[in-house]
N, C-alpha and C. Protein backbone atom coordinates (compact mmCIF):
# COMPACT_ATOMS: atom_id res chain seq x y z
N MET A 1 119.18 22.53 211.52
CA MET A 1 119.22 21.23 212.13
C MET A 1 118.59 21.30 213.51
N LYS A 2 117.99 20.24 213.91
CA LYS A 2 117.43 20.18 215.25
C LYS A 2 118.55 20.09 216.28
N LYS A 3 118.27 20.62 217.46
CA LYS A 3 119.30 20.64 218.51
C LYS A 3 119.70 19.24 218.96
N THR A 4 118.75 18.32 218.97
CA THR A 4 119.09 16.95 219.38
C THR A 4 120.03 16.29 218.38
N ARG A 5 119.82 16.57 217.11
CA ARG A 5 120.71 16.01 216.08
C ARG A 5 122.11 16.57 216.22
N ILE A 6 122.22 17.86 216.52
CA ILE A 6 123.53 18.48 216.70
C ILE A 6 124.25 17.87 217.91
N ILE A 7 123.50 17.64 219.00
CA ILE A 7 124.09 17.04 220.19
C ILE A 7 124.61 15.64 219.88
N VAL A 8 123.83 14.85 219.15
CA VAL A 8 124.24 13.49 218.81
C VAL A 8 125.48 13.51 217.92
N ILE A 9 125.51 14.40 216.95
CA ILE A 9 126.67 14.50 216.06
C ILE A 9 127.91 14.89 216.86
N ARG A 10 127.77 15.86 217.76
CA ARG A 10 128.91 16.28 218.56
C ARG A 10 129.38 15.18 219.50
N LEU A 11 128.46 14.43 220.07
CA LEU A 11 128.84 13.31 220.94
C LEU A 11 129.63 12.25 220.16
N ILE A 12 129.13 11.90 218.99
CA ILE A 12 129.80 10.89 218.18
C ILE A 12 131.19 11.37 217.75
N LEU A 13 131.28 12.62 217.27
CA LEU A 13 132.57 13.14 216.82
C LEU A 13 133.55 13.29 217.97
N SER A 14 133.08 13.72 219.14
CA SER A 14 133.99 13.85 220.27
C SER A 14 134.50 12.48 220.71
N GLY A 15 133.66 11.46 220.65
CA GLY A 15 134.11 10.11 220.97
C GLY A 15 135.13 9.59 219.98
N ILE A 16 134.87 9.81 218.71
CA ILE A 16 135.81 9.36 217.68
C ILE A 16 137.15 10.06 217.81
N PHE A 17 137.12 11.39 217.98
CA PHE A 17 138.37 12.13 218.11
C PHE A 17 139.10 11.80 219.41
N ALA A 18 138.37 11.50 220.46
CA ALA A 18 139.03 11.11 221.72
C ALA A 18 139.80 9.80 221.55
N VAL A 19 139.20 8.85 220.85
CA VAL A 19 139.88 7.58 220.61
C VAL A 19 141.10 7.79 219.71
N ILE A 20 140.95 8.59 218.66
CA ILE A 20 142.07 8.84 217.75
C ILE A 20 143.21 9.55 218.47
N ILE A 21 142.89 10.59 219.25
CA ILE A 21 143.93 11.33 219.97
C ILE A 21 144.62 10.43 220.99
N SER A 22 143.85 9.62 221.69
CA SER A 22 144.46 8.75 222.70
C SER A 22 145.36 7.70 222.06
N ARG A 23 145.00 7.21 220.91
CA ARG A 23 145.83 6.21 220.22
C ARG A 23 147.08 6.83 219.61
N LEU A 24 146.98 8.07 219.13
CA LEU A 24 148.13 8.71 218.50
C LEU A 24 149.18 9.19 219.50
N PHE A 25 148.73 9.80 220.59
CA PHE A 25 149.65 10.47 221.49
C PHE A 25 149.97 9.69 222.77
N PHE A 26 149.16 8.72 223.12
CA PHE A 26 149.39 7.97 224.35
C PHE A 26 149.38 6.49 224.01
N ASN A 27 150.34 5.75 224.56
CA ASN A 27 150.44 4.33 224.22
C ASN A 27 149.26 3.53 224.76
N HIS A 28 149.12 3.51 226.07
CA HIS A 28 148.05 2.74 226.68
C HIS A 28 147.30 3.65 227.64
N MET A 29 146.12 4.03 227.25
CA MET A 29 145.30 4.92 228.05
C MET A 29 144.06 4.16 228.49
N SER A 30 143.67 4.32 229.74
CA SER A 30 142.51 3.59 230.24
C SER A 30 141.22 4.12 229.59
N VAL A 31 140.20 3.31 229.63
CA VAL A 31 138.92 3.66 229.02
C VAL A 31 138.32 4.88 229.70
N ILE A 32 138.50 4.99 231.01
CA ILE A 32 137.96 6.13 231.76
C ILE A 32 138.60 7.44 231.30
N LYS A 33 139.89 7.41 231.04
CA LYS A 33 140.58 8.61 230.57
C LYS A 33 140.15 8.98 229.15
N VAL A 34 139.90 7.99 228.31
CA VAL A 34 139.42 8.27 226.95
C VAL A 34 138.02 8.89 227.02
N ILE A 35 137.18 8.38 227.90
CA ILE A 35 135.85 8.96 228.07
C ILE A 35 135.96 10.39 228.60
N GLY A 36 136.87 10.61 229.53
CA GLY A 36 137.10 11.96 230.06
C GLY A 36 137.57 12.91 228.97
N LEU A 37 138.44 12.43 228.09
CA LEU A 37 138.90 13.25 226.97
C LEU A 37 137.75 13.57 226.04
N GLY A 38 136.87 12.61 225.80
CA GLY A 38 135.70 12.85 224.97
C GLY A 38 134.76 13.87 225.59
N VAL A 39 134.57 13.79 226.90
CA VAL A 39 133.72 14.78 227.59
C VAL A 39 134.35 16.17 227.50
N ALA A 40 135.67 16.24 227.64
CA ALA A 40 136.35 17.53 227.52
C ALA A 40 136.19 18.11 226.11
N LEU A 41 136.33 17.29 225.09
CA LEU A 41 136.16 17.76 223.72
C LEU A 41 134.73 18.22 223.48
N PHE A 42 133.76 17.49 224.02
CA PHE A 42 132.35 17.86 223.91
C PHE A 42 132.10 19.20 224.59
N GLY A 43 132.69 19.38 225.76
CA GLY A 43 132.54 20.65 226.48
C GLY A 43 133.18 21.81 225.73
N PHE A 44 134.35 21.57 225.14
CA PHE A 44 135.01 22.62 224.37
C PHE A 44 134.19 23.03 223.16
N ALA A 45 133.48 22.09 222.55
CA ALA A 45 132.64 22.42 221.40
C ALA A 45 131.56 23.43 221.80
N TYR A 46 130.94 23.21 222.95
CA TYR A 46 129.91 24.14 223.40
C TYR A 46 130.51 25.45 223.92
N LEU A 47 131.69 25.39 224.52
CA LEU A 47 132.35 26.62 224.96
C LEU A 47 132.69 27.50 223.77
N PHE A 48 133.25 26.90 222.72
CA PHE A 48 133.60 27.69 221.54
C PHE A 48 132.36 28.23 220.84
N GLU A 49 131.27 27.47 220.82
CA GLU A 49 130.03 27.96 220.23
C GLU A 49 129.50 29.15 221.03
N PHE A 50 129.58 29.08 222.36
CA PHE A 50 129.14 30.18 223.20
C PHE A 50 129.96 31.43 222.93
N VAL A 51 131.28 31.29 222.85
CA VAL A 51 132.15 32.44 222.60
C VAL A 51 131.89 33.02 221.21
N ARG A 52 131.69 32.16 220.23
CA ARG A 52 131.44 32.63 218.88
C ARG A 52 130.12 33.40 218.80
N ASN A 53 129.08 32.89 219.44
CA ASN A 53 127.78 33.57 219.41
C ASN A 53 127.80 34.85 220.22
N ARG A 54 128.58 34.88 221.30
CA ARG A 54 128.70 36.08 222.11
C ARG A 54 129.39 37.18 221.34
N ASP A 55 130.41 36.80 220.53
CA ASP A 55 131.18 37.78 219.79
C ASP A 55 130.51 38.25 218.50
N LYS A 56 129.43 37.62 218.10
CA LYS A 56 128.75 38.03 216.87
C LYS A 56 128.13 39.41 216.99
N GLY A 57 127.88 39.87 218.21
CA GLY A 57 127.31 41.19 218.42
C GLY A 57 128.27 42.31 217.99
N GLY A 58 129.56 42.01 217.94
CA GLY A 58 130.54 42.99 217.51
C GLY A 58 130.97 43.87 218.66
N GLY A 59 131.92 44.74 218.39
CA GLY A 59 132.41 45.66 219.42
C GLY A 59 133.48 45.01 220.26
N ALA A 60 134.21 45.86 220.96
CA ALA A 60 135.30 45.37 221.79
C ALA A 60 134.91 45.34 223.26
N SER A 61 133.67 45.38 223.58
CA SER A 61 133.27 45.42 224.98
C SER A 61 133.06 44.08 225.57
């Protein structure tokens, strides 16, 4: 997949999951906080990808 397509998919999914999480766990959350949650989820996706690719080399170092 092209990198731009992956970025768009991750942006859309992080937005959807941010809205779902905010509706399930918090009664009334402001739009700014929902956007912040989406940005955090988007950042975690790239953090986990970085850690996964870093660990593919193997070894405990």
